[in-house]
Protein backbone atom coordinates (compact mmCIF):
# COMPACT_ATOMS: atom_id res chain seq x y z
CA UNK A 1 117.79 223.14 233.64
CA UNK A 2 117.80 226.22 231.44
CA UNK A 3 116.67 224.16 228.46
CA UNK A 4 113.81 222.72 230.51
CA UNK A 5 112.71 226.22 231.48
CA UNK A 6 112.81 227.34 227.87
CA UNK A 7 110.67 224.40 226.80
CA UNK A 8 108.21 225.17 229.60
CA UNK A 9 107.99 228.84 228.61
CA UNK A 10 107.56 227.95 224.97
CA UNK A 11 104.79 225.51 225.86
CA UNK A 12 103.00 228.14 227.92
CA UNK A 13 103.16 230.58 225.00
CA UNK A 14 101.73 228.02 222.60
CA UNK A 15 98.92 227.13 224.98
CA UNK A 16 98.20 230.80 225.64
CA UNK A 17 97.90 231.40 221.94
CA UNK A 18 95.98 228.23 221.15
CA UNK A 19 93.16 228.67 223.67
CA UNK A 20 91.93 232.14 222.62
CA UNK A 21 92.40 231.29 218.96
CA UNK A 22 90.30 228.16 219.39
CA UNK A 23 87.57 230.17 221.09
CA UNK A 24 87.52 232.75 218.30
CA UNK A 25 87.41 230.13 215.53
CA UNK A 26 84.71 228.09 217.29
CA UNK A 27 82.52 231.13 217.85
CA UNK A 28 82.85 232.28 214.27
CA UNK A 29 82.22 228.88 212.69
CA UNK A 30 79.25 228.04 214.91
CA UNK A 31 77.47 231.36 214.54
CA UNK A 32 74.47 230.99 212.28
CA UNK A 33 74.57 234.61 211.16
CA UNK A 34 78.06 234.46 209.71
CA UNK A 35 77.97 235.59 206.09
CA UNK A 36 79.37 233.65 203.16
CA UNK A 37 83.17 233.67 203.14
CA UNK A 38 83.22 235.73 206.35
CA UNK A 39 85.55 233.28 208.09
CA UNK A 40 88.05 233.54 205.24
CA UNK A 41 87.74 237.32 205.30
CA UNK A 42 88.25 237.33 209.07
CA UNK A 43 91.48 235.37 209.18
CA UNK A 44 92.87 237.39 206.28
CA UNK A 45 91.95 240.75 207.78
CA UNK A 46 94.29 243.31 209.31
CA UNK A 47 92.19 243.27 212.48
CA UNK A 48 92.76 239.55 212.94
CA UNK A 49 96.52 240.04 212.57
CA UNK A 50 96.50 242.86 215.09
CA UNK A 51 94.61 240.80 217.67
CA UNK A 52 96.96 237.87 217.10
CA UNK A 53 99.97 240.13 217.70
CA UNK A 54 98.29 241.58 220.76
CA UNK A 55 97.89 238.11 222.28
CA UNK A 56 101.55 237.42 221.61
CA UNK A 57 102.39 240.69 223.30
CA UNK A 58 100.75 239.51 226.49
CA UNK A 59 103.20 236.60 226.69
CA UNK A 60 106.45 237.99 225.27
CA UNK A 61 108.30 240.65 227.32
CA UNK A 62 108.67 244.08 225.63
CA UNK A 63 106.67 242.89 222.62
CA UNK A 64 103.38 244.32 223.96
CA UNK A 65 104.89 247.79 224.27
CA UNK A 66 106.07 247.60 220.66
CA UNK A 67 102.65 246.46 219.43
CA UNK A 68 100.82 249.20 221.35
CA UNK A 69 103.09 251.83 219.83
CA UNK A 70 102.93 250.56 216.27
CA UNK A 71 99.30 249.44 215.90
CA UNK A 72 95.84 250.57 216.87
CA UNK A 73 94.79 247.12 218.02
CA UNK A 74 91.05 246.38 218.14
CA UNK A 75 89.55 244.47 221.01
CA UNK A 76 88.59 240.83 220.57
CA UNK A 77 85.00 241.88 221.24
CA UNK A 78 85.00 244.34 218.35
CA UNK A 79 86.62 241.77 216.08
CA UNK A 80 83.95 239.19 216.91
CA UNK A 81 81.17 241.76 216.47
CA UNK A 82 82.40 242.63 212.99
CA UNK A 83 82.88 239.00 211.99
CA UNK A 84 79.40 237.98 213.14
CA UNK A 85 77.31 241.02 212.16
CA UNK A 86 79.41 242.72 209.51
CA UNK A 87 79.33 245.94 211.55
CA UNK A 88 82.56 247.90 211.67
CA UNK A 89 82.53 249.88 214.91
CA UNK A 90 84.91 252.41 213.36
CA UNK A 91 82.42 253.17 210.57
CA UNK A 92 78.99 253.13 212.20
CA UNK A 93 77.58 255.67 209.73
CA UNK A 94 77.62 252.93 207.09
CA UNK A 95 75.30 250.85 209.31
CA UNK A 96 72.63 253.53 208.92
CA UNK A 97 73.32 254.02 205.21
CA UNK A 98 73.01 250.30 204.51
CA UNK A 99 69.44 250.38 205.85
CA UNK A 100 68.31 252.87 203.18
CA UNK A 101 65.94 250.99 200.82
CA UNK A 102 67.65 250.10 197.55
CA UNK A 103 71.10 251.02 198.79
CA UNK A 104 73.90 248.50 199.10
CA UNK A 105 77.22 248.88 200.84
CA UNK A 106 78.71 247.38 197.67
CA UNK A 107 77.80 250.55 195.79
CA UNK A 108 80.43 253.17 196.44
CA UNK A 109 81.23 256.75 195.59
CA UNK A 110 84.54 256.10 193.86
CA UNK A 111 85.25 259.81 193.54
CA UNK A 112 83.18 262.37 195.44
CA UNK A 113 82.62 265.76 193.87
CA UNK A 114 81.86 268.90 195.84
CA UNK A 115 79.01 268.25 198.28
CA UNK A 116 78.55 264.63 197.19
CA UNK A 117 77.96 261.98 199.83
CA UNK A 118 75.73 258.96 200.43
CA UNK A 119 72.74 261.18 201.25
CA UNK A 120 72.50 262.59 197.71
CA UNK A 121 73.39 259.72 195.40
CA UNK A 122 71.91 259.83 191.90
CA UNK A 123 68.46 258.26 191.88
CA UNK A 124 66.16 257.35 189.03
CA UNK A 125 62.59 258.61 188.98
CA UNK A 126 59.91 255.93 189.47
CA UNK A 127 59.19 253.99 186.25
CA UNK A 128 56.43 255.74 184.30
CA UNK A 129 53.15 254.21 183.25
CA UNK A 130 53.96 253.56 179.60
CA UNK A 131 50.29 253.34 178.58
CA UNK A 132 49.58 256.74 180.08
CA UNK A 133 52.81 258.24 178.77
CA UNK A 134 52.23 257.09 175.20
CA UNK A 135 48.72 258.57 174.99
CA UNK A 136 50.31 261.82 173.82
CA UNK A 137 52.38 260.14 171.09
CA UNK A 138 50.31 261.44 168.15
CA UNK A 139 50.38 265.09 169.17
CA UNK A 140 54.05 264.95 170.15
CA UNK A 141 55.22 263.77 166.71
CA UNK A 142 53.89 266.93 165.07
CA UNK A 143 55.81 269.24 167.39
CA UNK A 144 59.30 267.75 167.59
CA UNK A 145 62.18 269.66 166.04
CA UNK A 146 65.16 268.02 167.71
CA UNK A 147 67.87 267.51 165.04
CA UNK A 148 67.94 263.87 164.02
CA UNK A 149 71.61 262.91 164.01
CA UNK A 150 71.62 259.93 161.63
CA UNK A 151 73.85 256.88 161.65
CA UNK A 152 75.37 257.26 158.20
CA UNK A 153 78.74 255.49 158.25
CA UNK A 154 80.25 257.50 155.39
CA UNK A 155 81.89 259.94 157.81
CA UNK A 156 83.28 257.19 160.05
CA UNK A 157 81.60 258.15 163.36
CA UNK A 158 83.57 257.38 166.51
CA UNK A 159 81.00 258.38 169.15
CA UNK A 160 77.52 256.94 169.72
CA UNK A 161 75.12 258.83 171.97
CA UNK A 162 71.93 257.14 173.14
CA UNK A 163 69.36 257.29 175.95
CA UNK A 164 68.34 254.04 177.68
CA UNK A 165 65.59 255.93 179.54
CA UNK A 166 64.64 258.34 176.78
CA UNK A 167 61.52 259.52 178.65
CA UNK A 168 63.49 261.16 181.48
CA UNK A 169 62.39 264.78 181.26
CA UNK A 170 63.10 268.22 182.70
CA UNK A 171 60.22 270.16 184.25
CA UNK A 172 61.30 273.63 183.01
CA UNK A 173 61.20 272.31 179.45
CA UNK A 174 57.58 271.18 179.79
CA UNK A 175 54.42 273.24 179.58
CA UNK A 176 52.69 273.59 182.93
CA UNK A 177 49.79 271.34 181.93
CA UNK A 178 52.16 268.63 180.60
CA UNK A 179 54.17 268.13 183.76
CA UNK A 180 53.86 264.68 185.32
CA UNK A 181 54.63 263.58 188.85
CA UNK A 182 57.56 261.47 187.61
CA UNK A 183 58.87 264.19 185.23
CA UNK A 184 58.51 261.87 182.23
CA UNK A 185 58.00 262.96 178.63
CA UNK A 186 58.24 261.38 175.19
CA UNK A 187 58.58 264.82 173.62
CA UNK A 188 62.22 265.02 172.58
CA UNK A 189 62.23 268.77 173.21
CA UNK A 190 61.61 268.04 176.88
CA UNK A 191 63.72 265.00 177.73
CA UNK A 192 67.25 263.59 177.64
CA UNK A 193 67.08 263.06 173.87
CA UNK A 194 67.39 266.84 173.53
CA UNK A 195 70.52 266.79 175.70
CA UNK A 196 71.97 263.94 173.64
CA UNK A 197 71.28 265.93 170.49
CA UNK A 198 73.05 268.97 171.97
CA UNK A 199 76.09 266.83 172.72
CA UNK A 200 76.19 265.24 169.27
CA UNK A 201 75.92 268.66 167.62
CA UNK A 202 78.69 270.16 169.78
CA UNK A 203 81.08 267.25 169.16
CA UNK A 204 80.42 267.53 165.43
CA UNK A 205 81.34 271.22 165.65
CA UNK A 206 84.65 270.13 167.17
CA UNK A 207 85.25 267.88 164.18
CA UNK A 208 84.35 264.61 165.91
CA UNK A 209 81.58 262.80 164.06
CA UNK A 210 79.08 261.65 166.67
CA UNK A 211 75.85 259.82 165.91
CA UNK A 212 72.78 259.67 168.11
CA UNK A 213 70.07 257.07 168.50
CA UNK A 214 66.71 258.76 169.18
CA UNK A 215 64.58 255.67 169.74
CA UNK A 216 61.48 256.21 171.85
CA UNK A 217 62.42 253.54 174.39
CA UNK A 218 59.03 253.63 176.13
CA UNK A 219 57.22 252.81 172.89
CA UNK A 220 59.76 250.20 171.82
CA UNK A 221 59.45 248.43 175.16
CA UNK A 222 55.65 248.48 175.04
CA UNK A 223 55.61 247.20 171.45
CA UNK A 224 57.59 244.16 172.56
CA UNK A 225 55.56 243.59 175.69
CA UNK A 226 58.62 244.41 177.78
CA UNK A 227 58.76 246.52 180.90
CA UNK A 228 61.08 249.08 182.46
CA UNK A 229 63.57 246.42 183.62
CA UNK A 230 64.33 245.56 179.97
CA UNK A 231 65.53 249.08 179.12
CA UNK A 232 69.22 248.22 178.96
CA UNK A 233 68.54 245.00 177.07
CA UNK A 234 66.75 247.03 174.41
CA UNK A 235 69.39 249.76 174.24
CA UNK A 236 72.05 247.05 173.95
CA UNK A 237 70.41 245.81 170.76
CA UNK A 238 70.34 249.36 169.41
CA UNK A 239 74.03 249.84 170.24
CA UNK A 240 75.06 246.57 168.61
CA UNK A 241 73.07 247.37 165.46
CA UNK A 242 74.66 250.81 165.13
CA UNK A 243 78.17 249.62 165.93
CA UNK A 244 77.89 246.78 163.40
CA UNK A 245 77.35 249.42 160.70
CA UNK A 246 79.94 251.85 162.07
CA UNK A 247 83.01 249.89 163.10
CA UNK A 248 85.00 252.97 164.12
CA UNK A 249 82.66 253.76 167.01
CA UNK A 250 84.70 253.60 170.20
CA UNK A 251 82.90 255.93 172.59
CA UNK A 252 79.45 255.04 173.93
CA UNK A 253 77.61 257.73 175.92
CA UNK A 254 74.30 256.96 177.63
CA UNK A 255 72.53 260.18 178.72
CA UNK A 256 70.30 260.11 181.80
CA UNK A 257 68.72 262.64 184.17
CA UNK A 258 68.84 262.51 187.97
CA UNK A 259 65.63 262.83 189.99
CA UNK A 260 67.26 265.25 192.45
CA UNK A 261 66.15 268.89 192.72
CA UNK A 262 68.16 271.89 191.55
CA UNK A 263 69.77 272.63 194.92
CA UNK A 264 71.77 269.42 194.36
CA UNK A 265 72.08 269.44 190.57
CA UNK A 266 72.97 273.08 189.89
CA UNK A 267 76.22 275.00 190.32
CA UNK A 268 77.33 278.53 189.47
CA UNK A 269 80.82 278.88 187.97
CA UNK A 270 82.14 282.35 187.13
CA UNK A 271 78.63 283.75 187.20
CA UNK A 272 77.21 281.11 184.86
CA UNK A 273 74.69 278.47 185.95
CA UNK A 274 75.33 274.82 185.03
CA UNK A 275 73.44 271.55 185.42
CA UNK A 276 75.79 269.30 187.38
CA UNK A 277 76.63 265.86 186.03
CA UNK A 278 77.39 262.53 187.70
CA UNK A 279 79.32 259.63 186.17
CA UNK A 280 77.92 256.14 186.86
CA UNK A 281 80.04 253.04 186.25
CA UNK A 282 78.77 249.47 186.49
CA UNK A 283 80.88 246.89 188.29
CA UNK A 284 79.31 243.64 187.10
CA UNK A 285 81.59 242.87 184.15
CA UNK A 286 85.24 242.08 183.53
CA UNK A 287 87.66 244.97 183.12
CA UNK A 288 85.21 247.54 184.48
CA UNK A 289 88.27 249.31 185.89
CA UNK A 290 89.05 250.70 182.44
CA UNK A 291 85.75 252.58 182.27
CA UNK A 292 86.16 253.56 185.91
CA UNK A 293 89.53 255.15 185.15
CA UNK A 294 88.07 256.85 182.08
CA UNK A 295 85.27 258.43 184.13
CA UNK A 296 87.71 259.40 186.88
CA UNK A 297 90.01 261.18 184.42
CA UNK A 298 87.10 263.13 182.97
CA UNK A 299 85.87 264.07 186.45
CA UNK A 300 89.31 265.33 187.44
CA UNK A 301 89.68 267.39 184.27
CA UNK A 302 86.22 268.87 184.78
CA UNK A 303 87.12 269.69 188.37
CA UNK A 304 90.24 271.45 187.16
CA UNK A 305 88.52 273.57 184.50
CA UNK A 306 84.94 273.80 185.85
CA UNK A 307 85.15 273.24 189.63
CA UNK A 308 81.96 271.79 191.07
CA UNK A 309 80.43 270.80 187.73
CA UNK A 310 80.98 267.07 188.28
CA UNK A 311 79.31 265.49 191.30
CA UNK A 312 81.71 262.56 191.10
CA UNK A 313 81.98 258.95 189.98
CA UNK A 314 79.52 256.40 191.37
CA UNK A 315 80.37 252.68 191.14
CA UNK A 316 77.26 250.46 191.12
CA UNK A 317 76.69 246.74 191.41
CA UNK A 318 73.63 244.73 190.41
CA UNK A 319 72.26 245.15 193.94
CA UNK A 320 70.98 248.53 192.80
CA UNK A 321 70.12 248.51 189.15
CA UNK A 322 71.56 246.79 186.12
CA UNK A 323 75.21 246.72 187.20
CA UNK A 324 76.56 246.55 183.62
CA UNK A 325 74.76 249.33 181.71
CA UNK A 326 76.15 247.98 178.41
CA UNK A 327 79.57 249.29 179.40
CA UNK A 328 81.13 245.90 178.68
CA UNK A 329 80.82 246.65 174.97
CA UNK A 330 83.58 249.28 175.03
CA UNK A 331 86.26 250.47 177.43
CA UNK A 332 85.23 254.02 176.56
CA UNK A 333 81.67 253.76 177.81
CA UNK A 334 79.99 256.45 179.88
CA UNK A 335 76.67 256.70 181.67
CA UNK A 336 76.14 260.33 182.64
CA UNK A 337 73.38 261.81 184.78
CA UNK A 338 72.98 265.24 183.14
CA UNK A 339 71.38 267.56 185.64
CA UNK A 340 68.13 266.91 187.48
CA UNK A 341 64.39 267.36 187.04
CA UNK A 342 64.53 271.13 187.67
CA UNK A 343 67.40 272.15 185.40
CA UNK A 344 66.56 274.38 182.44
CA UNK A 345 67.74 274.32 178.84
CA UNK A 346 70.36 277.03 179.28
CA UNK A 347 71.95 275.21 182.22
CA UNK A 348 71.99 271.97 180.26
CA UNK A 349 73.51 273.72 177.25
CA UNK A 350 76.25 275.26 179.40
CA UNK A 351 77.07 271.82 180.77
CA UNK A 352 77.20 270.25 177.32
CA UNK A 353 79.64 272.95 176.20
CA UNK A 354 81.86 272.37 179.24
CA UNK A 355 81.74 268.58 178.98
CA UNK A 356 82.49 268.69 175.25
CA UNK A 357 85.48 270.92 175.93
CA UNK A 358 86.95 268.41 178.39
CA UNK A 359 85.92 265.38 176.35
CA UNK A 360 87.79 266.75 173.35
CA UNK A 361 90.98 267.03 175.40
CA UNK A 362 90.65 263.35 176.26
CA UNK A 363 89.76 262.49 172.68
CA UNK A 364 92.84 264.24 171.39
CA UNK A 365 95.05 262.46 173.91
CA UNK A 366 95.59 265.15 176.53
CA UNK A 367 94.23 262.78 179.17
CA UNK A 368 95.92 259.38 179.17
CA UNK A 369 93.74 256.56 180.46
CA UNK A 370 95.80 253.67 181.83
CA UNK A 371 94.25 250.40 183.00
CA UNK A 372 95.42 249.33 186.51
CA UNK A 373 97.20 246.22 185.22
CA UNK A 374 99.24 248.36 182.85
CA UNK A 375 100.77 250.48 185.55
């Protein structure tokens, strides 16, 4: 008799579990809005496990009390809502963020610096009109005095500095009548090429031979009949050409400028004003974690020595931009947003000095970068 009762109880439990599980699976499979692989993600999720345990708790004495104490169990309704719509009711702010044009939930702030959140992510200025921008090319050539750091391999350079968007300029560096609505300039005294030159010079002073490519990317793109979207393809060719002649180059640094205003891109440290920087790491290539760890280590060291200088580390997919940024060429690749459109030369110079200080500690082995699969 006791055995019969046990069998009956066991059967009731199985049926009690089977019916709701069947309903959940049927609803998920038959819903036309279910995203790719969502069913697999659902059954492998912690929420699914919690609901499953909760159902068991309804049928097994004392088990429900244990589950309620140990887990914050979501309702079946919330689980179904998330599986069908992708909306996590515990993180509704991301629903609003995901509706921002050009933003994807796949892009994440891997490390947030002081004041950094999804409302002030680094953003590129609108692509310039190359025809209009290059009209000043003749007059600009006669007035440039940015040191040209050559690519002579005799000194065995280990660092290559380049600018995939070389036209990204800084308003305080431009004459009033030269300022454009997109803050673009092909004058290397007014754009990121100047910042790259500052960095190369400072690293050379430290005894690290750095070379800089000063290609006018806007002109090179126009000469080929290419547009803005080919910027990284062009800079990749420049990198590969330089590296082929300088085999010791290990560090690749792509200098950019954020479109944000100075209230976001400026910080005062010990009475000195700095242009804040932001590390950007692409996710669309194998072993991107190595560059991610490299950027994270530099951010943390900057935070330790110059608190607030780094805005953080931003991990980007191809849903917003290139997604690779030529960082697959080396596991010591950096894309750095150096300041914003309203930062001046002194602020940029202060930042270059601070960054070079921290970079040298990494270069000399003070910071140890370890890939995740190595411990």
